[in-house]
PDB file of N, CA and C in Angstrom:
ATOM      1  N   MET A   1       0.846  -1.178   0.000  1.00  0.00           N
ATOM      2  CA  MET A   1       0.000   0.000   0.000  1.00  0.00           C
ATOM      3  C   MET A   1       0.890   1.239   0.000  1.00  0.00           C
ATOM      4  N   ASP A   2       0.590   2.171  -0.886  1.00  0.00           N
ATOM      5  CA  ASP A   2       1.323   3.427  -0.927  1.00  0.00           C
ATOM      6  C   ASP A   2       0.826   4.339   0.179  1.00  0.00           C
ATOM      7  N   VAL A   3       1.750   5.032   0.810  1.00  0.00           N
ATOM      8  CA  VAL A   3       1.381   5.941   1.890  1.00  0.00           C
ATOM      9  C   VAL A   3       2.007   7.308   1.654  1.00  0.00           C
ATOM     10  N   ASN A   4       1.388   8.301   2.232  1.00  0.00           N
ATOM     11  CA  ASN A   4       1.931   9.655   2.283  1.00  0.00           C
ATOM     12  C   ASN A   4       2.425   9.897   3.695  1.00  0.00           C
ATOM     13  N   TRP A   5       3.626  10.398   3.847  1.00  0.00           N
ATOM     14  CA  TRP A   5       4.132  10.803   5.152  1.00  0.00           C
ATOM     15  C   TRP A   5       3.755  12.263   5.332  1.00  0.00           C
ATOM     16  N   ILE A   6       2.919  12.547   6.322  1.00  0.00           N
ATOM     17  CA  ILE A   6       2.375  13.877   6.559  1.00  0.00           C
ATOM     18  C   ILE A   6       3.035  14.483   7.798  1.00  0.00           C
ATOM     19  N   ALA A   7       3.588  15.678   7.648  1.00  0.00           N
ATOM     20  CA  ALA A   7       4.193  16.380   8.783  1.00  0.00           C
ATOM     21  C   ALA A   7       3.088  16.795   9.752  1.00  0.00           C
ATOM     22  N   ILE A   8       3.286  16.512  11.038  1.00  0.00           N
ATOM     23  CA  ILE A   8       2.272  16.851  12.047  1.00  0.00           C
ATOM     24  C   ILE A   8       2.812  17.758  13.142  1.00  0.00           C
ATOM     25  N   GLY A   9       4.067  18.191  13.031  1.00  0.00           N
ATOM     26  CA  GLY A   9       4.623  19.077  14.042  1.00  0.00           C
ATOM     27  C   GLY A   9       5.947  18.570  14.563  1.00  0.00           C
ATOM     28  N   ASP A  10       6.339  19.130  15.677  1.00  0.00           N
ATOM     29  CA  ASP A  10       7.620  18.818  16.291  1.00  0.00           C
ATOM     30  C   ASP A  10       7.394  18.088  17.615  1.00  0.00           C
ATOM     31  N   ILE A  11       8.349  17.250  17.991  1.00  0.00           N
ATOM     32  CA  ILE A  11       8.230  16.515  19.246  1.00  0.00           C
ATOM     33  C   ILE A  11       8.043  17.468  20.428  1.00  0.00           C
ATOM     34  N   SER A  12       8.611  18.669  20.335  1.00  0.00           N
ATOM     35  CA  SER A  12       8.476  19.640  21.431  1.00  0.00           C
ATOM     36  C   SER A  12       7.045  20.164  21.569  1.00  0.00           C
ATOM     37  N   ASP A  13       6.195  19.923  20.563  1.00  0.00           N
ATOM     38  CA  ASP A  13       4.782  20.313  20.647  1.00  0.00           C
ATOM     39  C   ASP A  13       3.994  19.423  21.610  1.00  0.00           C
ATOM     40  N   ILE A  14       4.572  18.280  21.962  1.00  0.00           N
ATOM     41  CA  ILE A  14       3.899  17.308  22.824  1.00  0.00           C
ATOM     42  C   ILE A  14       4.637  17.262  24.155  1.00  0.00           C
ATOM     43  N   PRO A  15       3.947  17.522  25.266  1.00  0.00           N
ATOM     44  CA  PRO A  15       4.641  17.466  26.564  1.00  0.00           C
ATOM     45  C   PRO A  15       5.063  16.034  26.905  1.00  0.00           C
ATOM     46  N   LEU A  16       6.119  15.908  27.704  1.00  0.00           N
ATOM     47  CA  LEU A  16       6.507  14.580  28.194  1.00  0.00           C
ATOM     48  C   LEU A  16       5.306  13.945  28.895  1.00  0.00           C
ATOM     49  N   ARG A  17       5.083  12.653  28.642  1.00  0.00           N
ATOM     50  CA  ARG A  17       3.951  11.902  29.200  1.00  0.00           C
ATOM     51  C   ARG A  17       2.615  12.542  28.808  1.00  0.00           C
ATOM     52  N   GLY A  18       2.575  13.116  27.607  1.00  0.00           N
ATOM     53  CA  GLY A  18       1.364  13.778  27.126  1.00  0.00           C
ATOM     54  C   GLY A  18       1.013  13.335  25.720  1.00  0.00           C
ATOM     55  N   ALA A  19      -0.002  13.995  25.151  1.00  0.00           N
ATOM     56  CA  ALA A  19      -0.480  13.637  23.821  1.00  0.00           C
ATOM     57  C   ALA A  19      -1.051  14.850  23.112  1.00  0.00           C
ATOM     58  N   ARG A  20      -1.151  14.740  21.824  1.00  0.00           N
ATOM     59  CA  ARG A  20      -1.847  15.693  20.977  1.00  0.00           C
ATOM     60  C   ARG A  20      -2.716  14.884  20.026  1.00  0.00           C
ATOM     61  N   CYS A  21      -3.802  15.494  19.581  1.00  0.00           N
ATOM     62  CA  CYS A  21      -4.730  14.823  18.665  1.00  0.00           C
ATOM     63  C   CYS A  21      -4.618  15.476  17.292  1.00  0.00           C
ATOM     64  N   VAL A  22      -4.592  14.651  16.254  1.00  0.00           N
ATOM     65  CA  VAL A  22      -4.523  15.127  14.878  1.00  0.00           C
ATOM     66  C   VAL A  22      -5.738  14.586  14.136  1.00  0.00           C
ATOM     67  N   LYS A  23      -6.492  15.472  13.489  1.00  0.00           N
ATOM     68  CA  LYS A  23      -7.634  15.042  12.684  1.00  0.00           C
ATOM     69  C   LYS A  23      -7.140  14.684  11.285  1.00  0.00           C
ATOM     70  N   THR A  24      -7.520  13.507  10.805  1.00  0.00           N
ATOM     71  CA  THR A  24      -7.147  13.072   9.459  1.00  0.00           C
ATOM     72  C   THR A  24      -8.401  12.528   8.772  1.00  0.00           C
ATOM     73  N   PRO A  25      -8.364  12.332   7.462  1.00  0.00           N
ATOM     74  CA  PRO A  25      -9.499  11.712   6.771  1.00  0.00           C
ATOM     75  C   PRO A  25      -9.756  10.279   7.249  1.00  0.00           C
ATOM     76  N   GLU A  26      -8.761   9.678   7.899  1.00  0.00           N
ATOM     77  CA  GLU A  26      -8.896   8.317   8.417  1.00  0.00           C
ATOM     78  C   GLU A  26      -9.382   8.312   9.862  1.00  0.00           C
ATOM     79  N   GLY A  27      -9.705   9.481  10.428  1.00  0.00           N
ATOM     80  CA  GLY A  27     -10.161   9.592  11.811  1.00  0.00           C
ATOM     81  C   GLY A  27      -9.144  10.315  12.669  1.00  0.00           C
ATOM     82  N   LYS A  28      -9.483  10.486  13.947  1.00  0.00           N
ATOM     83  CA  LYS A  28      -8.574  11.164  14.870  1.00  0.00           C
ATOM     84  C   LYS A  28      -7.433  10.235  15.260  1.00  0.00           C
ATOM     85  N   VAL A  29      -6.233  10.801  15.264  1.00  0.00           N
ATOM     86  CA  VAL A  29      -5.033  10.070  15.642  1.00  0.00           C
ATOM     87  C   VAL A  29      -4.456  10.746  16.880  1.00  0.00           C
ATOM     88  N   ALA A  30      -4.170   9.959  17.901  1.00  0.00           N
ATOM     89  CA  ALA A  30      -3.525  10.467  19.111  1.00  0.00           C
ATOM     90  C   ALA A  30      -2.027  10.198  19.001  1.00  0.00           C
ATOM     91  N   VAL A  31      -1.230  11.251  19.192  1.00  0.00           N
ATOM     92  CA  VAL A  31       0.222  11.133  19.135  1.00  0.00           C
ATOM     93  C   VAL A  31       0.751  11.353  20.546  1.00  0.00           C
ATOM     94  N   PHE A  32       1.446  10.354  21.073  1.00  0.00           N
ATOM     95  CA  PHE A  32       1.903  10.344  22.460  1.00  0.00           C
ATOM     96  C   PHE A  32       3.419  10.481  22.538  1.00  0.00           C
ATOM     97  N   ARG A  33       3.878  11.141  23.607  1.00  0.00           N
ATOM     98  CA  ARG A  33       5.308  11.248  23.918  1.00  0.00           C
ATOM     99  C   ARG A  33       5.511  10.690  25.318  1.00  0.00           C
ATOM    100  N   THR A  34       6.385   9.713  25.432  1.00  0.00           N
ATOM    101  CA  THR A  34       6.635   9.091  26.734  1.00  0.00           C
ATOM    102  C   THR A  34       7.672   9.889  27.509  1.00  0.00           C
ATOM    103  N   ALA A  35       7.860   9.530  28.765  1.00  0.00           N
ATOM    104  CA  ALA A  35       8.867  10.179  29.605  1.00  0.00           C
ATOM    105  C   ALA A  35      10.271   9.950  29.049  1.00  0.00           C
ATOM    106  N   GLU A  36      10.456   8.879  28.262  1.00  0.00           N
ATOM    107  CA  GLU A  36      11.753   8.557  27.671  1.00  0.00           C
ATOM    108  C   GLU A  36      11.906   9.161  26.278  1.00  0.00           C
ATOM    109  N   ASN A  37      10.993  10.063  25.890  1.00  0.00           N
ATOM    110  CA  ASN A  37      11.034  10.743  24.589  1.00  0.00           C
ATOM    111  C   ASN A  37      10.702   9.845  23.411  1.00  0.00           C
ATOM    112  N   GLU A  38      10.060   8.708  23.649  1.00  0.00           N
ATOM    113  CA  GLU A  38       9.563   7.887  22.550  1.00  0.00           C
ATOM    114  C   GLU A  38       8.236   8.486  22.095  1.00  0.00           C
ATOM    115  N   VAL A  39       7.925   8.338  20.806  1.00  0.00           N
ATOM    116  CA  VAL A  39       6.692   8.896  20.261  1.00  0.00           C
ATOM    117  C   VAL A  39       5.929   7.786  19.557  1.00  0.00           C
ATOM    118  N   PHE A  40       4.613   7.728  19.806  1.00  0.00           N
ATOM    119  CA  PHE A  40       3.740   6.715  19.223  1.00  0.00           C
ATOM    120  C   PHE A  40       2.471   7.373  18.712  1.00  0.00           C
ATOM    121  N   ALA A  41       1.852   6.759  17.707  1.00  0.00           N
ATOM    122  CA  ALA A  41       0.577   7.253  17.189  1.00  0.00           C
ATOM    123  C   ALA A  41      -0.405   6.085  17.107  1.00  0.00           C
ATOM    124  N   ILE A  42      -1.610   6.291  17.676  1.00  0.00           N
ATOM    125  CA  ILE A  42      -2.673   5.292  17.623  1.00  0.00           C
ATOM    126  C   ILE A  42      -4.003   6.008  17.395  1.00  0.00           C
ATOM    127  N   GLU A  43      -5.029   5.242  17.034  1.00  0.00           N
ATOM    128  CA  GLU A  43      -6.365   5.815  16.918  1.00  0.00           C
ATOM    129  C   GLU A  43      -6.766   6.402  18.265  1.00  0.00           C
ATOM    130  N   ASP A  44      -7.487   7.519  18.222  1.00  0.00           N
ATOM    131  CA  ASP A  44      -7.835   8.230  19.461  1.00  0.00           C
ATOM    132  C   ASP A  44      -9.173   7.789  20.032  1.00  0.00           C
ATOM    133  N   HIS A  45      -9.388   6.490  20.118  1.00  0.00           N
ATOM    134  CA  HIS A  45     -10.599   6.009  20.790  1.00  0.00           C
ATOM    135  C   HIS A  45     -10.333   4.651  21.420  1.00  0.00           C
ATOM    136  N   CYS A  46     -10.748   4.535  22.656  1.00  0.00           N
ATOM    137  CA  CYS A  46     -10.574   3.286  23.395  1.00  0.00           C
ATOM    138  C   CYS A  46     -11.447   2.201  22.768  1.00  0.00           C
ATOM    139  N   PRO A  47     -10.946   0.964  22.667  1.00  0.00           N
ATOM    140  CA  PRO A  47     -11.762  -0.113  22.099  1.00  0.00           C
ATOM    141  C   PRO A  47     -12.937  -0.511  23.002  1.00  0.00           C
ATOM    142  N   HIS A  48     -12.953  -0.035  24.241  1.00  0.00           N
ATOM    143  CA  HIS A  48     -14.023  -0.380  25.182  1.00  0.00           C
ATOM    144  C   HIS A  48     -15.284   0.419  24.892  1.00  0.00           C
ATOM    145  N   LYS A  49     -15.251   1.720  25.144  1.00  0.00           N
ATOM    146  CA  LYS A  49     -16.429   2.580  24.963  1.00  0.00           C
ATOM    147  C   LYS A  49     -16.111   3.826  24.133  1.00  0.00           C
ATOM    148  N   GLY A  50     -14.964   3.830  23.443  1.00  0.00           N
ATOM    149  CA  GLY A  50     -14.627   4.942  22.570  1.00  0.00           C
ATOM    150  C   GLY A  50     -14.059   6.162  23.258  1.00  0.00           C
ATOM    151  N   GLY A  51     -13.591   6.019  24.491  1.00  0.00           N
ATOM    152  CA  GLY A  51     -13.035   7.150  25.229  1.00  0.00           C
ATOM    153  C   GLY A  51     -11.851   7.776  24.504  1.00  0.00           C
ATOM    154  N   PRO A  52     -11.611   9.079  24.701  1.00  0.00           N
ATOM    155  CA  PRO A  52     -10.511   9.782  24.031  1.00  0.00           C
ATOM    156  C   PRO A  52      -9.164   9.447  24.666  1.00  0.00           C
ATOM    157  N   LEU A  53      -8.428   8.546  24.056  1.00  0.00           N
ATOM    158  CA  LEU A  53      -7.147   8.123  24.618  1.00  0.00           C
ATOM    159  C   LEU A  53      -6.160   9.275  24.735  1.00  0.00           C
ATOM    160  N   SER A  54      -6.278  10.277  23.863  1.00  0.00           N
ATOM    161  CA  SER A  54      -5.365  11.420  23.921  1.00  0.00           C
ATOM    162  C   SER A  54      -5.513  12.197  25.226  1.00  0.00           C
ATOM    163  N   GLN A  55      -6.591  11.979  25.960  1.00  0.00           N
ATOM    164  CA  GLN A  55      -6.797  12.643  27.242  1.00  0.00           C
ATOM    165  C   GLN A  55      -6.433  11.738  28.421  1.00  0.00           C
ATOM    166  N   GLY A  56      -5.877  10.562  28.114  1.00  0.00           N
ATOM    167  CA  GLY A  56      -5.516   9.611  29.155  1.00  0.00           C
ATOM    168  C   GLY A  56      -4.163   9.900  29.770  1.00  0.00           C
ATOM    169  N   ILE A  57      -3.806   9.084  30.742  1.00  0.00           N
ATOM    170  CA  ILE A  57      -2.530   9.212  31.451  1.00  0.00           C
ATOM    171  C   ILE A  57      -1.512   8.276  30.812  1.00  0.00           C
ATOM    172  N   VAL A  58      -0.363   8.842  30.400  1.00  0.00           N
ATOM    173  CA  VAL A  58       0.711   8.070  29.779  1.00  0.00           C
ATOM    174  C   VAL A  58       1.645   7.579  30.878  1.00  0.00           C
ATOM    175  N   HIS A  59       1.934   6.284  30.852  1.00  0.00           N
ATOM    176  CA  HIS A  59       2.871   5.678  31.814  1.00  0.00           C
ATOM    177  C   HIS A  59       3.631   4.590  31.075  1.00  0.00           C
ATOM    178  N   GLY A  60       4.965   4.712  31.101  1.00  0.00           N
ATOM    179  CA  GLY A  60       5.776   3.776  30.317  1.00  0.00           C
ATOM    180  C   GLY A  60       5.414   3.904  28.848  1.00  0.00           C
ATOM    181  N   THR A  61       5.124   2.781  28.210  1.00  0.00           N
ATOM    182  CA  THR A  61       4.685   2.798  26.814  1.00  0.00           C
ATOM    183  C   THR A  61       3.213   2.404  26.725  1.00  0.00           C
ATOM    184  N   SER A  62       2.427   2.883  27.685  1.00  0.00           N
ATOM    185  CA  SER A  62       0.990   2.620  27.727  1.00  0.00           C
ATOM    186  C   SER A  62       0.244   3.906  28.037  1.00  0.00           C
ATOM    187  N   VAL A  63      -1.066   3.888  27.768  1.00  0.00           N
ATOM    188  CA  VAL A  63      -1.943   4.989  28.141  1.00  0.00           C
ATOM    189  C   VAL A  63      -3.167   4.386  28.828  1.00  0.00           C
ATOM    190  N   THR A  64      -3.640   5.065  29.868  1.00  0.00           N
ATOM    191  CA  THR A  64      -4.854   4.632  30.560  1.00  0.00           C
ATOM    192  C   THR A  64      -6.006   5.507  30.100  1.00  0.00           C
ATOM    193  N   CYS A  65      -7.059   4.879  29.613  1.00  0.00           N
ATOM    194  CA  CYS A  65      -8.235   5.596  29.123  1.00  0.00           C
ATOM    195  C   CYS A  65      -8.860   6.398  30.265  1.00  0.00           C
ATOM    196  N   PRO A  66      -9.239   7.652  29.998  1.00  0.00           N
ATOM    197  CA  PRO A  66      -9.809   8.474  31.064  1.00  0.00           C
ATOM    198  C   PRO A  66     -11.225   8.069  31.479  1.00  0.00           C
ATOM    199  N   LEU A  67     -11.911   7.250  30.688  1.00  0.00           N
ATOM    200  CA  LEU A  67     -13.292   6.890  31.031  1.00  0.00           C
ATOM    201  C   LEU A  67     -13.393   5.718  32.000  1.00  0.00           C
ATOM    202  N   HIS A  68     -12.764   4.597  31.672  1.00  0.00           N
ATOM    203  CA  HIS A  68     -12.955   3.387  32.481  1.00  0.00           C
ATOM    204  C   HIS A  68     -11.640   2.705  32.842  1.00  0.00           C
ATOM    205  N   ASN A  69     -10.525   3.435  32.730  1.00  0.00           N
ATOM    206  CA  ASN A  69      -9.210   2.953  33.171  1.00  0.00           C
ATOM    207  C   ASN A  69      -8.677   1.738  32.424  1.00  0.00           C
ATOM    208  N   TRP A  70      -9.129   1.532  31.190  1.00  0.00           N
ATOM    209  CA  TRP A  70      -8.491   0.491  30.384  1.00  0.00           C
ATOM    210  C   TRP A  70      -7.080   0.954  30.056  1.00  0.00           C
ATOM    211  N   VAL A  71      -6.125   0.028  30.056  1.00  0.00           N
ATOM    212  CA  VAL A  71      -4.734   0.342  29.729  1.00  0.00           C
ATOM    213  C   VAL A  71      -4.448  -0.194  28.317  1.00  0.00           C
ATOM    214  N   ILE A  72      -3.960   0.714  27.447  1.00  0.00           N
ATOM    215  CA  ILE A  72      -3.702   0.379  26.054  1.00  0.00           C
ATOM    216  C   ILE A  72      -2.210   0.528  25.775  1.00  0.00           C
ATOM    217  N   SER A  73      -1.623  -0.485  25.118  1.00  0.00           N
ATOM    218  CA  SER A  73      -0.213  -0.421  24.730  1.00  0.00           C
ATOM    219  C   SER A  73      -0.057   0.567  23.578  1.00  0.00           C
ATOM    220  N   LEU A  74       0.872   1.513  23.728  1.00  0.00           N
ATOM    221  CA  LEU A  74       1.159   2.448  22.644  1.00  0.00           C
ATOM    222  C   LEU A  74       1.941   1.765  21.523  1.00  0.00           C
ATOM    223  N   GLU A  75       2.618   0.680  21.839  1.00  0.00           N
ATOM    224  CA  GLU A  75       3.423  -0.043  20.851  1.00  0.00           C
ATOM    225  C   GLU A  75       2.569  -0.924  19.943  1.00  0.00           C
ATOM    226  N   THR A  76       1.561  -1.579  20.517  1.00  0.00           N
ATOM    227  CA  THR A  76       0.762  -2.546  19.744  1.00  0.00           C
ATOM    228  C   THR A  76      -0.687  -2.128  19.548  1.00  0.00           C
ATOM    229  N   GLY A  77      -1.177  -1.196  20.362  1.00  0.00           N
ATOM    230  CA  GLY A  77      -2.584  -0.811  20.307  1.00  0.00           C
ATOM    231  C   GLY A  77      -3.504  -1.764  21.058  1.00  0.00           C
ATOM    232  N   LYS A  78      -2.947  -2.812  21.662  1.00  0.00           N
ATOM    233  CA  LYS A  78      -3.761  -3.818  22.348  1.00  0.00           C
ATOM    234  C   LYS A  78      -4.073  -3.416  23.778  1.00  0.00           C
ATOM    235  N   ALA A  79      -5.276  -3.794  24.226  1.00  0.00           N
ATOM    236  CA  ALA A  79      -5.647  -3.625  25.624  1.00  0.00           C
ATOM    237  C   ALA A  79      -4.798  -4.586  26.459  1.00  0.00           C
ATOM    238  N   LEU A  80      -4.354  -4.118  27.615  1.00  0.00           N
ATOM    239  CA  LEU A  80      -3.495  -4.926  28.481  1.00  0.00           C
ATOM    240  C   LEU A  80      -4.289  -5.473  29.661  1.00  0.00           C
ATOM    241  N   GLY A  81      -3.714  -6.434  30.347  1.00  0.00           N
ATOM    242  CA  GLY A  81      -4.383  -7.033  31.496  1.00  0.00           C
ATOM    243  C   GLY A  81      -5.505  -7.953  31.039  1.00  0.00           C
ATOM    244  N   ALA A  82      -6.585  -7.978  31.813  1.00  0.00           N
ATOM    245  CA  ALA A  82      -7.706  -8.876  31.516  1.00  0.00           C
ATOM    246  C   ALA A  82      -8.605  -8.345  30.403  1.00  0.00           C
ATOM    247  N   ASP A  83      -8.445  -7.068  30.022  1.00  0.00           N
ATOM    248  CA  ASP A  83      -9.300  -6.475  29.003  1.00  0.00           C
ATOM    249  C   ASP A  83      -8.892  -6.944  27.612  1.00  0.00           C
ATOM    250  N   GLU A  84      -9.875  -6.990  26.706  1.00  0.00           N
ATOM    251  CA  GLU A  84      -9.608  -7.419  25.344  1.00  0.00           C
ATOM    252  C   GLU A  84     -10.091  -6.366  24.374  1.00  0.00           C
ATOM    253  N   GLY A  85      -9.308  -6.137  23.342  1.00  0.00           N
ATOM    254  CA  GLY A  85      -9.632  -5.161  22.319  1.00  0.00           C
ATOM    255  C   GLY A  85      -8.351  -4.553  21.794  1.00  0.00           C
ATOM    256  N   GLN A  86      -8.468  -3.785  20.723  1.00  0.00           N
ATOM    257  CA  GLN A  86      -7.279  -3.207  20.111  1.00  0.00           C
ATOM    258  C   GLN A  86      -7.676  -1.995  19.276  1.00  0.00           C
ATOM    259  N   VAL A  87      -6.775  -1.031  19.219  1.00  0.00           N
ATOM    260  CA  VAL A  87      -6.902   0.101  18.310  1.00  0.00           C
ATOM    261  C   VAL A  87      -5.773   0.008  17.289  1.00  0.00           C
ATOM    262  N   ARG A  88      -5.955   0.667  16.180  1.00  0.00           N
ATOM    263  CA  ARG A  88      -4.955   0.640  15.110  1.00  0.00           C
ATOM    264  C   ARG A  88      -3.782   1.547  15.479  1.00  0.00           C
ATOM    265  N   THR A  89      -2.582   1.041  15.271  1.00  0.00           N
ATOM    266  CA  THR A  89      -1.395   1.874  15.427  1.00  0.00           C
ATOM    267  C   THR A  89      -1.124   2.551  14.088  1.00  0.00           C
ATOM    268  N   ILE A  90      -0.585   3.745  14.120  1.00  0.00           N
ATOM    269  CA  ILE A  90      -0.311   4.526  12.925  1.00  0.00           C
ATOM    270  C   ILE A  90       1.202   4.644  12.779  1.00  0.00           C
ATOM    271  N   PRO A  91       1.761   4.294  11.614  1.00  0.00           N
ATOM    272  CA  PRO A  91       3.208   4.457  11.441  1.00  0.00           C
ATOM    273  C   PRO A  91       3.618   5.912  11.669  1.00  0.00           C
ATOM    274  N   LEU A  92       4.713   6.096  12.401  1.00  0.00           N
ATOM    275  CA  LEU A  92       5.189   7.428  12.753  1.00  0.00           C
ATOM    276  C   LEU A  92       6.694   7.471  12.570  1.00  0.00           C
ATOM    277  N   ARG A  93       7.175   8.578  12.025  1.00  0.00           N
ATOM    278  CA  ARG A  93       8.618   8.805  11.907  1.00  0.00           C
ATOM    279  C   ARG A  93       8.991  10.043  12.698  1.00  0.00           C
ATOM    280  N   ASN A  94      10.132   9.962  13.368  1.00  0.00           N
ATOM    281  CA  ASN A  94      10.699  11.093  14.099  1.00  0.00           C
ATOM    282  C   ASN A  94      12.036  11.411  13.441  1.00  0.00           C
ATOM    283  N   GLU A  95      12.079  12.515  12.680  1.00  0.00           N
ATOM    284  CA  GLU A  95      13.298  12.906  11.976  1.00  0.00           C
ATOM    285  C   GLU A  95      13.884  14.136  12.658  1.00  0.00           C
ATOM    286  N   ASN A  96      14.789  13.888  13.608  1.00  0.00           N
ATOM    287  CA  ASN A  96      15.421  14.973  14.370  1.00  0.00           C
ATOM    288  C   ASN A  96      14.393  15.876  15.036  1.00  0.00           C
ATOM    289  N   GLY A  97      13.325  15.267  15.549  1.00  0.00           N
ATOM    290  CA  GLY A  97      12.288  16.012  16.255  1.00  0.00           C
ATOM    291  C   GLY A  97      11.079  16.356  15.401  1.00  0.00           C
ATOM    292  N   ALA A  98      11.221  16.353  14.080  1.00  0.00           N
ATOM    293  CA  ALA A  98      10.076  16.585  13.194  1.00  0.00           C
ATOM    294  C   ALA A  98       9.284  15.280  13.088  1.00  0.00           C
ATOM    295  N   LEU A  99       7.965  15.360  13.341  1.00  0.00           N
ATOM    296  CA  LEU A  99       7.135  14.158  13.370  1.00  0.00           C
ATOM    297  C   LEU A  99       6.288  14.039  12.107  1.00  0.00           C
ATOM    298  N   PHE A 100       6.184  12.805  11.618  1.00  0.00           N
ATOM    299  CA  PHE A 100       5.405  12.496  10.423  1.00  0.00           C
ATOM    300  C   PHE A 100       4.599  11.233  10.687  1.00  0.00           C
ATOM    301  N   ILE A 101       3.322  11.229  10.251  1.00  0.00           N
ATOM    302  CA  ILE A 101       2.526  10.007  10.315  1.00  0.00           C
ATOM    303  C   ILE A 101       2.230   9.556   8.891  1.00  0.00           C
ATOM    304  N   ALA A 102       2.001   8.256   8.730  1.00  0.00           N
ATOM    305  CA  ALA A 102       1.720   7.677   7.419  1.00  0.00           C
ATOM    306  C   ALA A 102       0.213   7.558   7.234  1.00  0.00           C
ATOM    307  N   LEU A 103      -0.281   8.148   6.148  1.00  0.00           N
ATOM    308  CA  LEU A 103      -1.679   8.022   5.767  1.00  0.00           C
ATOM    309  C   LEU A 103      -1.736   7.357   4.398  1.00  0.00           C
ATOM    310  N   LYS A 104      -2.872   6.732   4.104  1.00  0.00           N
ATOM    311  CA  LYS A 104      -3.045   6.163   2.776  1.00  0.00           C
ATOM    312  C   LYS A 104      -2.843   7.250   1.747  1.00  0.00           C
ATOM    313  N   GLN A 105      -2.374   6.879   0.561  1.00  0.00           N
ATOM    314  CA  GLN A 105      -1.996   7.865  -0.434  1.00  0.00           C
ATOM    315  C   GLN A 105      -3.157   8.800  -0.784  1.00  0.00           C
ATOM    316  N   SER A 106      -4.383   8.306  -0.739  1.00  0.00           N
ATOM    317  CA  SER A 106      -5.531   9.154  -1.102  1.00  0.00           C
ATOM    318  C   SER A 106      -5.898  10.147   0.002  1.00  0.00           C
ATOM    319  N   ALA A 107      -5.399   9.920   1.211  1.00  0.00           N
ATOM    320  CA  ALA A 107      -5.753  10.786   2.341  1.00  0.00           C
ATOM    321  C   ALA A 107      -4.825  11.988   2.414  1.00  0.00           C
ATOM    322  N   GLN A 108      -5.381  13.104   2.819  1.00  0.00           N
ATOM    323  CA  GLN A 108      -4.590  14.314   3.033  1.00  0.00           C
ATOM    324  C   GLN A 108      -4.881  14.845   4.411  1.00  0.00           C
ATOM    325  N   MET A 109      -3.991  15.654   4.898  1.00  0.00           N
ATOM    326  CA  MET A 109      -4.124  16.231   6.236  1.00  0.00           C
ATOM    327  C   MET A 109      -5.317  17.151   6.323  1.00  0.00           C
ATOM    328  N   VAL A 110      -6.058  17.091   7.448  1.00  0.00           N
ATOM    329  CA  VAL A 110      -7.183  17.979   7.662  1.00  0.00           C
ATOM    330  C   VAL A 110      -6.789  19.089   8.621  1.00  0.00           C
ATOM    331  N   ALA A 111      -6.457  18.756   9.864  1.00  0.00           N
ATOM    332  CA  ALA A 111      -6.107  19.789  10.845  1.00  0.00           C
ATOM    333  C   ALA A 111      -5.461  19.152  12.060  1.00  0.00           C
ATOM    334  N   ALA A 112      -4.695  19.933  12.773  1.00  0.00           N
ATOM    335  CA  ALA A 112      -4.101  19.481  14.034  1.00  0.00           C
ATOM    336  C   ALA A 112      -4.758  20.282  15.152  1.00  0.00           C
ATOM    337  N   GLU A 113      -5.002  19.616  16.273  1.00  0.00           N
ATOM    338  CA  GLU A 113      -5.598  20.290  17.439  1.00  0.00           C
ATOM    339  C   GLU A 113      -4.525  20.625  18.437  1.00  0.00           C
TER     340      GLU A 113
END
């Protein structure tokens, strides 16, 4: 599948252990920065009840949903512990702090929040 790498900002735009949400034609994408400066992108909805993961608490390489405390792996998108479900992970590149996400070739950037 051909993809477009879309610039979404700089790593400094995202606080440590925080997130930003990016609107795309493929839906909202949550971009997370861990305390160790790792960056991940996943769909911005919990597989449980659709809670906004971008508003959750980042710990290690996971995020806890603000609605019902489901823990989601930022690396795999899978629910951890006894919970079951998964969100799609979005390919992300960090080029010297400049961040890019991969969208299908037909998709174009809409807006960043």
